C-alpha atoms as a PDB file:
ATOM      1  CA  MET A   1     -83.450  -3.470  16.621  1.00  0.00           C
ATOM      2  CA  GLU A   2     -85.021  -0.036  17.017  1.00  0.00           C
ATOM      3  CA  LYS A   3     -83.581   0.220  20.528  1.00  0.00           C
ATOM      4  CA  ILE A   4     -80.084  -0.529  19.227  1.00  0.00           C
ATOM      5  CA  GLN A   5     -80.384   2.100  16.525  1.00  0.00           C
ATOM      6  CA  GLN A   6     -81.726   4.581  19.040  1.00  0.00           C
ATOM      7  CA  TRP A   7     -78.803   3.771  21.397  1.00  0.00           C
ATOM      8  CA  LEU A   8     -76.249   4.250  18.594  1.00  0.00           C
ATOM      9  CA  ALA A   9     -77.809   7.604  17.636  1.00  0.00           C
ATOM     10  CA  GLU A  10     -77.709   8.778  21.232  1.00  0.00           C
ATOM     11  CA  ALA A  11     -74.087   7.599  21.575  1.00  0.00           C
ATOM     12  CA  ARG A  12     -73.174   9.447  18.406  1.00  0.00           C
ATOM     13  CA  ILE A  13     -74.795  12.629  19.684  1.00  0.00           C
ATOM     14  CA  GLU A  14     -73.086  12.253  23.044  1.00  0.00           C
ATOM     15  CA  PHE A  15     -69.658  11.646  21.384  1.00  0.00           C
ATOM     16  CA  LYS A  16     -70.010  14.772  19.232  1.00  0.00           C
ATOM     17  CA  ALA A  17     -70.998  16.764  22.294  1.00  0.00           C
ATOM     18  CA  HIS A  18     -67.942  15.377  24.076  1.00  0.00           C
ATOM     19  CA  LEU A  19     -65.712  16.368  21.181  1.00  0.00           C
ATOM     20  CA  ARG A  20     -67.107  19.892  21.252  1.00  0.00           C
ATOM     21  CA  ARG A  21     -66.450  20.126  24.992  1.00  0.00           C
ATOM     22  CA  GLN A  22     -62.903  18.629  24.660  1.00  0.00           C
ATOM     23  CA  LYS A  23     -61.947  20.450  21.440  1.00  0.00           C
ATOM     24  CA  PRO A  24     -59.461  22.865  23.113  1.00  0.00           C
ATOM     25  CA  TYR A  25     -57.704  19.914  24.742  1.00  0.00           C
ATOM     26  CA  TRP A  26     -57.507  18.005  21.456  1.00  0.00           C
ATOM     27  CA  ILE A  27     -56.013  21.049  19.746  1.00  0.00           C
ATOM     28  CA  LEU A  28     -53.487  21.490  22.541  1.00  0.00           C
ATOM     29  CA  GLY A  29     -52.628  17.786  22.436  1.00  0.00           C
ATOM     30  CA  GLY A  30     -52.120  17.878  18.655  1.00  0.00           C
ATOM     31  CA  PHE A  31     -49.906  20.936  18.960  1.00  0.00           C
ATOM     32  CA  LEU A  32     -47.793  19.260  21.634  1.00  0.00           C
ATOM     33  CA  PHE A  33     -47.498  16.113  19.500  1.00  0.00           C
ATOM     34  CA  VAL A  34     -46.308  18.071  16.450  1.00  0.00           C
ATOM     35  CA  PHE A  35     -43.928  20.110  18.586  1.00  0.00           C
ATOM     36  CA  GLY A  36     -42.471  16.969  20.140  1.00  0.00           C
ATOM     37  CA  ALA A  37     -42.155  15.248  16.760  1.00  0.00           C
ATOM     38  CA  VAL A  38     -40.225  18.209  15.354  1.00  0.00           C
ATOM     39  CA  PHE A  39     -38.104  18.960  18.416  1.00  0.00           C
ATOM     40  CA  PHE A  40     -37.125  15.336  19.136  1.00  0.00           C
ATOM     41  CA  HIS A  41     -36.885  14.148  15.532  1.00  0.00           C
ATOM     42  CA  ASP A  42     -33.159  13.346  15.900  1.00  0.00           C
ATOM     43  CA  THR A  43     -34.001  10.636  18.418  1.00  0.00           C
ATOM     44  CA  TYR A  44     -35.908   8.527  15.902  1.00  0.00           C
ATOM     45  CA  LEU A  45     -34.952   9.963  12.503  1.00  0.00           C
ATOM     46  CA  VAL A  46     -31.253   9.700  11.497  1.00  0.00           C
ATOM     47  CA  SER A  47     -29.678  11.101   8.336  1.00  0.00           C
ATOM     48  CA  ILE A  48     -26.440   9.511   7.116  1.00  0.00           C
ATOM     49  CA  HIS A  49     -24.611  11.641   4.543  1.00  0.00           C
ATOM     50  CA  SER A  50     -22.079  10.823   1.810  1.00  0.00           C
ATOM     51  CA  GLY A  51     -18.893   9.244   3.101  1.00  0.00           C
ATOM     52  CA  GLN A  52     -20.562   8.123   6.337  1.00  0.00           C
ATOM     53  CA  LEU A  53     -21.815   4.853   7.791  1.00  0.00           C
ATOM     54  CA  GLY A  54     -24.017   4.218  10.821  1.00  0.00           C
ATOM     55  CA  ILE A  55     -23.832   1.723  13.689  1.00  0.00           C
ATOM     56  CA  LEU A  56     -27.006   1.102  15.706  1.00  0.00           C
ATOM     57  CA  TRP A  57     -27.035   0.616  19.462  1.00  0.00           C
ATOM     58  CA  ARG A  58     -30.211  -0.962  20.877  1.00  0.00           C
ATOM     59  CA  ARG A  59     -31.080  -0.275  24.471  1.00  0.00           C
ATOM     60  CA  LEU A  60     -33.314  -3.339  24.761  1.00  0.00           C
ATOM     61  CA  GLY A  61     -31.951  -5.474  21.933  1.00  0.00           C
ATOM     62  CA  GLY A  62     -28.447  -6.548  22.895  1.00  0.00           C
ATOM     63  CA  GLY A  63     -26.478  -3.334  22.507  1.00  0.00           C
ATOM     64  CA  THR A  64     -24.344  -2.804  19.386  1.00  0.00           C
ATOM     65  CA  VAL A  65     -25.668  -4.392  16.216  1.00  0.00           C
ATOM     66  CA  ILE A  66     -22.620  -6.254  14.864  1.00  0.00           C
ATOM     67  CA  ASP A  67     -24.034  -7.747  11.668  1.00  0.00           C
ATOM     68  CA  THR A  68     -25.513  -4.573  10.123  1.00  0.00           C
ATOM     69  CA  VAL A  69     -23.911  -1.364   8.886  1.00  0.00           C
ATOM     70  CA  TYR A  70     -26.325   1.401   7.894  1.00  0.00           C
ATOM     71  CA  GLY A  71     -25.507   3.210   4.660  1.00  0.00           C
ATOM     72  CA  GLU A  72     -26.289   6.666   3.317  1.00  0.00           C
ATOM     73  CA  GLY A  73     -29.835   7.988   3.571  1.00  0.00           C
ATOM     74  CA  VAL A  74     -32.553   8.492   6.212  1.00  0.00           C
ATOM     75  CA  HIS A  75     -33.198   5.772   8.796  1.00  0.00           C
ATOM     76  CA  LEU A  76     -36.087   5.489  11.269  1.00  0.00           C
ATOM     77  CA  ILE A  77     -35.180   4.052  14.669  1.00  0.00           C
ATOM     78  CA  LEU A  78     -36.888   3.719  18.017  1.00  0.00           C
ATOM     79  CA  PRO A  79     -36.469   6.801  20.233  1.00  0.00           C
ATOM     80  CA  PHE A  80     -34.709   4.886  23.004  1.00  0.00           C
ATOM     81  CA  ASN A  81     -32.097   3.458  20.577  1.00  0.00           C
ATOM     82  CA  LYS A  82     -29.128   5.411  19.231  1.00  0.00           C
ATOM     83  CA  MET A  83     -27.352   5.590  15.882  1.00  0.00           C
ATOM     84  CA  TYR A  84     -23.596   6.376  15.833  1.00  0.00           C
ATOM     85  CA  VAL A  85     -22.405   7.908  12.568  1.00  0.00           C
ATOM     86  CA  TYR A  86     -18.770   7.449  11.443  1.00  0.00           C
ATOM     87  CA  ASN A  87     -16.760   9.172   8.727  1.00  0.00           C
ATOM     88  CA  VAL A  88     -15.329   6.409   6.481  1.00  0.00           C
ATOM     89  CA  ARG A  89     -13.487   8.674   4.051  1.00  0.00           C
ATOM     90  CA  THR A  90      -9.681   8.933   4.110  1.00  0.00           C
ATOM     91  CA  GLN A  91      -8.748  11.148   7.047  1.00  0.00           C
ATOM     92  CA  GLN A  92      -5.507  12.727   8.232  1.00  0.00           C
ATOM     93  CA  PHE A  93      -4.095  12.956  11.726  1.00  0.00           C
ATOM     94  CA  ARG A  94      -1.034  15.115  12.600  1.00  0.00           C
ATOM     95  CA  ASP A  95       1.195  14.968  15.645  1.00  0.00           C
ATOM     96  CA  THR A  96       4.616  16.103  16.891  1.00  0.00           C
ATOM     97  CA  ILE A  97       6.638  14.120  19.431  1.00  0.00           C
ATOM     98  CA  ASP A  98      10.132  13.899  20.896  1.00  0.00           C
ATOM     99  CA  ALA A  99      11.976  10.611  20.370  1.00  0.00           C
ATOM    100  CA  LEU A 100      15.370   9.348  21.537  1.00  0.00           C
ATOM    101  CA  THR A 101      18.003   7.913  19.194  1.00  0.00           C
ATOM    102  CA  VAL A 102      20.101   4.853  20.037  1.00  0.00           C
ATOM    103  CA  ASP A 103      22.683   7.284  21.513  1.00  0.00           C
ATOM    104  CA  GLY A 104      20.100   8.884  23.778  1.00  0.00           C
ATOM    105  CA  LEU A 105      19.885  12.151  21.820  1.00  0.00           C
ATOM    106  CA  ASN A 106      16.532  13.907  21.476  1.00  0.00           C
ATOM    107  CA  VAL A 107      14.894  14.156  18.049  1.00  0.00           C
ATOM    108  CA  ARG A 108      11.695  16.083  17.343  1.00  0.00           C
ATOM    109  CA  VAL A 109       9.531  14.356  14.735  1.00  0.00           C
ATOM    110  CA  ARG A 110       6.507  15.856  13.034  1.00  0.00           C
ATOM    111  CA  TYR A 111       4.433  13.297  11.148  1.00  0.00           C
ATOM    112  CA  SER A 112       0.965  12.789   9.730  1.00  0.00           C
ATOM    113  CA  VAL A 113      -1.190   9.679   9.438  1.00  0.00           C
ATOM    114  CA  ARG A 114      -3.562   9.039   6.535  1.00  0.00           C
ATOM    115  CA  TYR A 115      -6.125   6.372   7.414  1.00  0.00           C
ATOM    116  CA  PHE A 116      -9.704   5.213   6.850  1.00  0.00           C
ATOM    117  CA  LEU A 117     -12.255   3.015   8.620  1.00  0.00           C
ATOM    118  CA  PRO A 118     -13.191  -0.211   6.762  1.00  0.00           C
ATOM    119  CA  ALA A 119     -16.920  -0.900   6.683  1.00  0.00           C
ATOM    120  CA  GLU A 120     -16.613  -4.619   7.457  1.00  0.00           C
ATOM    121  CA  THR A 121     -14.977  -4.029  10.862  1.00  0.00           C
ATOM    122  CA  LEU A 122     -16.710  -0.777  11.772  1.00  0.00           C
ATOM    123  CA  PRO A 123     -19.160  -2.420  14.257  1.00  0.00           C
ATOM    124  CA  LEU A 124     -16.211  -4.025  16.091  1.00  0.00           C
ATOM    125  CA  LEU A 125     -14.379  -0.697  16.196  1.00  0.00           C
ATOM    126  CA  HIS A 126     -17.440   0.943  17.733  1.00  0.00           C
ATOM    127  CA  GLN A 127     -17.968  -1.854  20.221  1.00  0.00           C
ATOM    128  CA  ARG A 128     -14.344  -2.185  21.395  1.00  0.00           C
ATOM    129  CA  VAL A 129     -12.910   1.310  20.861  1.00  0.00           C
ATOM    130  CA  GLY A 130     -15.686   3.824  20.245  1.00  0.00           C
ATOM    131  CA  PRO A 131     -15.924   7.193  18.479  1.00  0.00           C
ATOM    132  CA  ASP A 132     -12.769   8.506  20.210  1.00  0.00           C
ATOM    133  CA  TYR A 133     -10.572   6.063  18.247  1.00  0.00           C
ATOM    134  CA  ALA A 134      -8.185   8.853  17.136  1.00  0.00           C
ATOM    135  CA  ASP A 135      -7.126   9.625  20.705  1.00  0.00           C
ATOM    136  CA  VAL A 136      -7.577   6.116  22.053  1.00  0.00           C
ATOM    137  CA  VAL A 137      -5.813   4.153  19.289  1.00  0.00           C
ATOM    138  CA  ILE A 138      -4.119   6.210  16.572  1.00  0.00           C
ATOM    139  CA  ARG A 139      -2.226   8.725  18.719  1.00  0.00           C
ATOM    140  CA  PRO A 140      -0.726   6.268  21.271  1.00  0.00           C
ATOM    141  CA  GLU A 141       0.022   3.555  18.716  1.00  0.00           C
ATOM    142  CA  MET A 142       1.756   5.960  16.326  1.00  0.00           C
ATOM    143  CA  ARG A 143       3.801   7.549  19.091  1.00  0.00           C
ATOM    144  CA  SER A 144       4.929   4.124  20.244  1.00  0.00           C
ATOM    145  CA  VAL A 145       5.933   3.112  16.701  1.00  0.00           C
ATOM    146  CA  VAL A 146       7.822   6.349  15.964  1.00  0.00           C
ATOM    147  CA  ARG A 147       9.767   6.175  19.226  1.00  0.00           C
ATOM    148  CA  ALA A 148      10.591   2.484  18.697  1.00  0.00           C
ATOM    149  CA  VAL A 149      11.882   3.016  15.145  1.00  0.00           C
ATOM    150  CA  PHE A 150      13.943   6.140  15.853  1.00  0.00           C
ATOM    151  CA  GLY A 151      15.422   4.420  18.897  1.00  0.00           C
ATOM    152  CA  GLN A 152      17.214   2.017  16.529  1.00  0.00           C
ATOM    153  CA  TYR A 153      19.204   4.674  14.638  1.00  0.00           C
ATOM    154  CA  LYS A 154      22.114   7.006  15.314  1.00  0.00           C
ATOM    155  CA  PRO A 155      21.668  10.728  14.579  1.00  0.00           C
ATOM    156  CA  GLU A 156      23.917  10.660  11.499  1.00  0.00           C
ATOM    157  CA  GLU A 157      22.011   7.641  10.151  1.00  0.00           C
ATOM    158  CA  ILE A 158      18.720   9.541  10.355  1.00  0.00           C
ATOM    159  CA  TYR A 159      20.013  12.028   7.772  1.00  0.00           C
ATOM    160  CA  THR A 160      20.968   9.342   5.271  1.00  0.00           C
ATOM    161  CA  THR A 161      18.189   6.752   5.801  1.00  0.00           C
ATOM    162  CA  GLN A 162      15.010   8.828   6.090  1.00  0.00           C
ATOM    163  CA  LYS A 163      13.261   6.822   3.373  1.00  0.00           C
ATOM    164  CA  ALA A 164      14.054   3.527   5.107  1.00  0.00           C
ATOM    165  CA  ILE A 165      12.873   4.968   8.435  1.00  0.00           C
ATOM    166  CA  GLN A 166       9.568   6.100   6.924  1.00  0.00           C
ATOM    167  CA  GLU A 167       9.007   2.689   5.328  1.00  0.00           C
ATOM    168  CA  ARG A 168       9.701   0.975   8.652  1.00  0.00           C
ATOM    169  CA  VAL A 169       7.321   3.298  10.522  1.00  0.00           C
ATOM    170  CA  SER A 170       4.565   2.673   7.945  1.00  0.00           C
ATOM    171  CA  GLU A 171       5.097  -1.080   8.110  1.00  0.00           C
ATOM    172  CA  LEU A 172       4.845  -1.322  11.892  1.00  0.00           C
ATOM    173  CA  ALA A 173       1.990   1.191  12.145  1.00  0.00           C
ATOM    174  CA  LYS A 174      -0.032  -0.689   9.545  1.00  0.00           C
ATOM    175  CA  ILE A 175       0.223  -3.918  11.539  1.00  0.00           C
ATOM    176  CA  ARG A 176      -0.762  -2.270  14.823  1.00  0.00           C
ATOM    177  CA  LEU A 177      -3.665  -0.206  13.487  1.00  0.00           C
ATOM    178  CA  GLU A 178      -5.168  -3.057  11.482  1.00  0.00           C
ATOM    179  CA  ALA A 179      -5.259  -5.077  14.700  1.00  0.00           C
ATOM    180  CA  ARG A 180      -7.452  -2.258  16.095  1.00  0.00           C
ATOM    181  CA  PHE A 181      -9.816  -2.171  13.054  1.00  0.00           C
ATOM    182  CA  ILE A 182      -8.244   0.862  11.318  1.00  0.00           C
ATOM    183  CA  ASP A 183      -6.682   0.693   7.836  1.00  0.00           C
ATOM    184  CA  LEU A 184      -3.527   2.732   7.273  1.00  0.00           C
ATOM    185  CA  ASP A 185      -2.832   4.538   3.997  1.00  0.00           C
ATOM    186  CA  ASP A 186       0.528   6.202   4.669  1.00  0.00           C
ATOM    187  CA  VAL A 187       2.666   7.842   7.379  1.00  0.00           C
ATOM    188  CA  PRO A 188       4.623  10.773   5.884  1.00  0.00           C
ATOM    189  CA  LEU A 189       7.433  12.079   8.115  1.00  0.00           C
ATOM    190  CA  GLU A 190       7.114  15.818   7.574  1.00  0.00           C
ATOM    191  CA  THR A 191      10.079  17.145   9.594  1.00  0.00           C
ATOM    192  CA  ILE A 192      12.899  15.620  11.654  1.00  0.00           C
ATOM    193  CA  THR A 193      14.713  18.122  13.887  1.00  0.00           C
ATOM    194  CA  LEU A 194      17.957  17.304  15.701  1.00  0.00           C
ATOM    195  CA  PRO A 195      19.640  19.475  18.358  1.00  0.00           C
ATOM    196  CA  PRO A 196      21.507  22.375  16.648  1.00  0.00           C
ATOM    197  CA  ARG A 197      24.998  21.291  17.682  1.00  0.00           C
ATOM    198  CA  ILE A 198      24.381  17.705  16.537  1.00  0.00           C
ATOM    199  CA  SER A 199      22.899  18.893  13.269  1.00  0.00           C
ATOM    200  CA  GLN A 200      25.892  21.157  12.626  1.00  0.00           C
ATOM    201  CA  ALA A 201      28.329  18.361  13.455  1.00  0.00           C
ATOM    202  CA  ILE A 202      26.585  15.969  11.076  1.00  0.00           C
ATOM    203  CA  GLU A 203      26.491  18.563   8.304  1.00  0.00           C
ATOM    204  CA  SER A 204      30.217  19.279   8.791  1.00  0.00           C
ATOM    205  CA  LYS A 205      30.994  15.567   8.715  1.00  0.00           C
ATOM    206  CA  MET A 206      28.968  15.088   5.545  1.00  0.00           C
ATOM    207  CA  ALA A 207      30.722  18.091   3.965  1.00  0.00           C
ATOM    208  CA  TYR A 208      34.125  16.590   4.807  1.00  0.00           C
ATOM    209  CA  GLN A 209      33.038  13.246   3.410  1.00  0.00           C
ATOM    210  CA  GLN A 210      31.915  14.924   0.197  1.00  0.00           C
ATOM    211  CA  LEU A 211      35.236  16.818  -0.019  1.00  0.00           C
ATOM    212  CA  GLU A 212      37.123  13.592   0.613  1.00  0.00           C
ATOM    213  CA  GLY A 213      35.155  11.953  -2.160  1.00  0.00           C
ATOM    214  CA  GLU A 214      36.096  14.762  -4.523  1.00  0.00           C
ATOM    215  CA  TYR A 215      39.786  14.356  -3.634  1.00  0.00           C
ATOM    216  CA  ILE A 216      39.606  10.605  -4.169  1.00  0.00           C
ATOM    217  CA  TYR A 217      37.959  11.203  -7.534  1.00  0.00           C
ATOM    218  CA  LYS A 218      40.626  13.705  -8.556  1.00  0.00           C
ATOM    219  CA  LEU A 219      43.409  11.324  -7.463  1.00  0.00           C
ATOM    220  CA  SER A 220      41.792   8.561  -9.470  1.00  0.00           C
ATOM    221  CA  ILE A 221      41.689  10.778 -12.561  1.00  0.00           C
ATOM    222  CA  ALA A 222      45.330  11.840 -12.043  1.00  0.00           C
ATOM    223  CA  GLU A 223      46.418   8.230 -11.608  1.00  0.00           C
ATOM    224  CA  LYS A 224      44.630   7.194 -14.791  1.00  0.00           C
ATOM    225  CA  GLU A 225      46.221  10.108 -16.662  1.00  0.00           C
ATOM    226  CA  ALA A 226      49.681   9.130 -15.378  1.00  0.00           C
ATOM    227  CA  GLN A 227      49.041   5.548 -16.442  1.00  0.00           C
ATOM    228  CA  ARG A 228      47.992   6.735 -19.889  1.00  0.00           C
ATOM    229  CA  ARG A 229      51.167   8.765 -20.246  1.00  0.00           C
ATOM    230  CA  ARG A 230      53.309   5.830 -19.133  1.00  0.00           C
ATOM    231  CA  ILE A 231      51.659   3.640 -21.726  1.00  0.00           C
ATOM    232  CA  GLU A 232      52.121   6.338 -24.368  1.00  0.00           C
ATOM    233  CA  SER A 233      55.787   6.838 -23.377  1.00  0.00           C
ATOM    234  CA  ASN A 234      56.487   3.104 -23.525  1.00  0.00           C
ATOM    235  CA  GLY A 235      54.891   2.986 -26.957  1.00  0.00           C
ATOM    236  CA  LEU A 236      57.039   5.856 -28.242  1.00  0.00           C
ATOM    237  CA  LYS A 237      60.153   4.259 -26.762  1.00  0.00           C
ATOM    238  CA  GLN A 238      59.395   0.951 -28.454  1.00  0.00           C
ATOM    239  CA  TYR A 239      58.748   2.759 -31.708  1.00  0.00           C
ATOM    240  CA  ASN A 240      62.010   4.712 -31.515  1.00  0.00           C
ATOM    241  CA  ASP A 241      63.948   1.571 -30.649  1.00  0.00           C
ATOM    242  CA  THR A 242      62.463  -0.174 -33.662  1.00  0.00           C
ATOM    243  CA  VAL A 243      63.245   2.776 -35.949  1.00  0.00           C
ATOM    244  CA  ASN A 244      66.818   3.137 -34.642  1.00  0.00           C
ATOM    245  CA  LYS A 245      67.489  -0.532 -35.282  1.00  0.00           C
ATOM    246  CA  SER A 246      66.296  -0.182 -38.881  1.00  0.00           C
ATOM    247  CA  LEU A 247      68.309   3.002 -39.668  1.00  0.00           C
ATOM    248  CA  THR A 248      71.624   1.547 -40.902  1.00  0.00           C
ATOM    249  CA  PRO A 249      74.306   3.835 -42.460  1.00  0.00           C
ATOM    250  CA  SER A 250      73.419   2.665 -45.968  1.00  0.00           C
ATOM    251  CA  VAL A 251      69.727   3.465 -45.407  1.00  0.00           C
ATOM    252  CA  LEU A 252      70.590   6.922 -44.092  1.00  0.00           C
ATOM    253  CA  SER A 253      72.819   7.553 -47.128  1.00  0.00           C
ATOM    254  CA  TRP A 254      69.990   6.511 -49.423  1.00  0.00           C
ATOM    255  CA  TYR A 255      67.528   8.912 -47.717  1.00  0.00           C
ATOM    256  CA  GLY A 256      70.163  11.673 -47.949  1.00  0.00           C
ATOM    257  CA  ILE A 257      70.610  11.163 -51.680  1.00  0.00           C
ATOM    258  CA  GLN A 258      66.841  11.309 -52.236  1.00  0.00           C
ATOM    259  CA  ALA A 259      66.548  14.503 -50.190  1.00  0.00           C
ATOM    260  CA  THR A 260      69.413  16.099 -52.196  1.00  0.00           C
ATOM    261  CA  GLN A 261      67.688  15.211 -55.444  1.00  0.00           C
ATOM    262  CA  GLU A 262      64.417  16.742 -54.286  1.00  0.00           C
ATOM    263  CA  LEU A 263      66.190  19.968 -53.257  1.00  0.00           C
ATOM    264  CA  ALA A 264      67.969  20.131 -56.573  1.00  0.00           C
ATOM    265  CA  LYS A 265      64.650  19.887 -58.422  1.00  0.00           C
ATOM    266  CA  SER A 266      63.118  22.758 -56.438  1.00  0.00           C
ATOM    267  CA  PRO A 267      62.925  25.974 -58.553  1.00  0.00           C
ATOM    268  CA  ASN A 268      63.381  28.114 -55.417  1.00  0.00           C
ATOM    269  CA  ALA A 269      66.549  26.412 -54.305  1.00  0.00           C
ATOM    270  CA  LYS A 270      70.037  27.728 -55.160  1.00  0.00           C
ATOM    271  CA  THR A 271      72.645  25.239 -54.112  1.00  0.00           C
ATOM    272  CA  VAL A 272      76.382  25.241 -53.913  1.00  0.00           C
ATOM    273  CA  VAL A 273      78.011  21.862 -53.452  1.00  0.00           C
ATOM    274  CA  ILE A 274      81.423  21.868 -51.920  1.00  0.00           C
ATOM    275  CA  GLY A 275      83.027  18.497 -51.410  1.00  0.00           C
ATOM    276  CA  SER A 276      81.122  16.133 -49.154  1.00  0.00           C
ATOM    277  CA  GLY A 277      80.373  15.584 -45.465  1.00  0.00           C
ATOM    278  CA  LYS A 278      81.625  12.846 -43.176  1.00  0.00           C
ATOM    279  CA  SER A 279      78.722  10.715 -44.235  1.00  0.00           C
ATOM    280  CA  GLY A 280      79.719  10.981 -47.883  1.00  0.00           C
ATOM    281  CA  LEU A 281      76.721  13.201 -48.756  1.00  0.00           C
ATOM    282  CA  PRO A 282      77.051  16.600 -50.484  1.00  0.00           C
ATOM    283  CA  ILE A 283      76.983  19.739 -48.365  1.00  0.00           C
ATOM    284  CA  ILE A 284      74.243  22.133 -49.514  1.00  0.00           C
ATOM    285  CA  LEU A 285      74.694  25.866 -48.907  1.00  0.00           C
ATOM    286  CA  GLY A 286      72.896  29.023 -49.919  1.00  0.00           C
ATOM    287  CA  LYS A 287      69.368  27.631 -49.769  1.00  0.00           C
ATOM    288  CA  ASP A 288      66.747  30.418 -49.849  1.00  0.00           C
END
């Protein structure tokens, strides 16, 4: 027992002596460890900020982790693995392309795409498309949709059906992007530019159509006014015919007698009655 204790004491003394001899190397090793931990911290320590989600790729564990999406916060991973961080907020992509109408005329279309990445399909997007999804999926798919839709319209129809065109573009784009794990919010068509001579021709045609509409409206009003006057004239004619049929000579004589009596009663009237007229009524002269 004493020998064991003596051996442990000697080993302890020898270990301390060894530490004193190796102290500079231990200090250097500790410094290198701290330096490496700080300098290479992004290989094992990943920060995911607000509006972001992470997808882990394991070098020795089967590649992309499909069943786990890493949320906001700090995550510790093995140095030989890699975390891909995606922005899952609503994003906007703008582009300008030239499309052909059904007549083969060139149209320049400037549009924007508002989209976001759904969390439930984010691992599949990373595995099958990757971080360059905007250039790999959104740009080519949207260009294909815009060209296909505008290729179904004539230039003059583009001016009058822009809302229908935008709805059709959004509908087709939504189907295509969802098949590639991207959710579409909207596709606003910002500007549609036709060749100057075509644009001027369409504007002139629309101006003539508007002028023609005004003429048609004026003709309609004039026709209704003429119809009103015809109805009014027919009414007056029927009234006059009815009155003429009721005005017999005896009735006229009776009205004449009443009118003569009323004139005779007037204090401002000075009358001279000389004989009678052909109708048998007195002739009144000298009325003031």
